[in-house]
Protein backbone atom coordinates (compact mmCIF):
# COMPACT_ATOMS: atom_id res chain seq x y z
CA UNK A 1 0.00 0.00 0.00
CA UNK A 2 1.36 3.41 -0.99
CA UNK A 3 1.37 6.23 1.56
CA UNK A 4 -0.96 9.15 0.87
CA UNK A 5 0.75 12.25 -0.44
CA UNK A 6 -0.42 15.49 1.18
CA UNK A 7 -0.61 18.71 -0.78
CA UNK A 8 2.11 20.30 1.35
CA UNK A 9 4.40 17.31 0.79
CA UNK A 10 3.70 17.39 -2.94
CA UNK A 11 4.53 21.09 -3.17
CA UNK A 12 7.68 20.75 -1.06
CA UNK A 13 9.00 17.79 -3.06
CA UNK A 14 8.00 18.95 -6.57
CA UNK A 15 5.46 16.11 -6.93
CA UNK A 16 2.30 18.10 -7.61
CA UNK A 17 1.43 15.95 -10.62
CA UNK A 18 1.53 12.86 -8.36
CA UNK A 19 -0.84 14.60 -5.93
CA UNK A 20 -3.21 15.49 -8.78
CA UNK A 21 -3.18 11.90 -10.05
CA UNK A 22 -3.94 10.68 -6.52
CA UNK A 23 -6.86 13.13 -6.14
CA UNK A 24 -8.30 12.25 -9.55
CA UNK A 25 -8.09 8.54 -8.68
CA UNK A 26 -10.17 9.39 -5.58
CA UNK A 27 -12.81 10.93 -7.86
CA UNK A 28 -11.96 14.55 -7.10
CA UNK A 29 -12.27 16.63 -10.23
CA UNK A 30 -11.10 20.13 -11.06
CA UNK A 31 -12.39 23.02 -8.96
CA UNK A 32 -14.97 25.43 -10.34
CA UNK A 33 -12.91 28.60 -10.93
CA UNK A 34 -15.70 31.06 -10.01
CA UNK A 35 -16.44 29.25 -6.73
CA UNK A 36 -12.74 29.05 -5.92
CA UNK A 37 -12.17 32.75 -6.55
CA UNK A 38 -15.23 33.67 -4.46
CA UNK A 39 -13.94 31.59 -1.54
CA UNK A 40 -10.43 33.03 -1.79
CA UNK A 41 -11.92 36.54 -1.96
CA UNK A 42 -13.78 35.95 1.31
CA UNK A 43 -10.65 34.69 3.01
CA UNK A 44 -8.34 37.43 1.76
CA UNK A 45 -10.77 40.37 1.94
CA UNK A 46 -9.29 43.26 3.92
CA UNK A 47 -10.71 43.88 7.38
CA UNK A 48 -12.10 47.31 8.28
CA UNK A 49 -9.35 49.42 9.86
CA UNK A 50 -11.01 49.30 13.28
CA UNK A 51 -11.42 45.53 13.23
CA UNK A 52 -8.87 42.74 13.50
CA UNK A 53 -9.42 39.07 12.70
CA UNK A 54 -10.11 38.51 16.42
CA UNK A 55 -12.53 41.41 16.88
CA UNK A 56 -16.21 40.52 17.22
CA UNK A 57 -18.10 41.25 14.03
CA UNK A 58 -20.60 44.05 13.70
CA UNK A 59 -23.91 42.97 15.22
CA UNK A 60 -22.19 40.39 17.41
CA UNK A 61 -23.70 39.80 20.85
CA UNK A 62 -20.25 40.38 22.31
CA UNK A 63 -19.85 43.81 20.71
CA UNK A 64 -19.42 46.66 23.19
């Protein structure tokens, strides 16, 4: 039995094509580009200047 190759291992060792082959064999197809970009946009969107990633959001019950 072959050990599973993680994405981080594949990137570090230059074996991304092996990782892709492994994922495709598992039935995982290509990502939908629009959905991917929307998700990345949510993650990388800038925070308002008065809010950090640990600040309660506007409308939060914990807001002062």
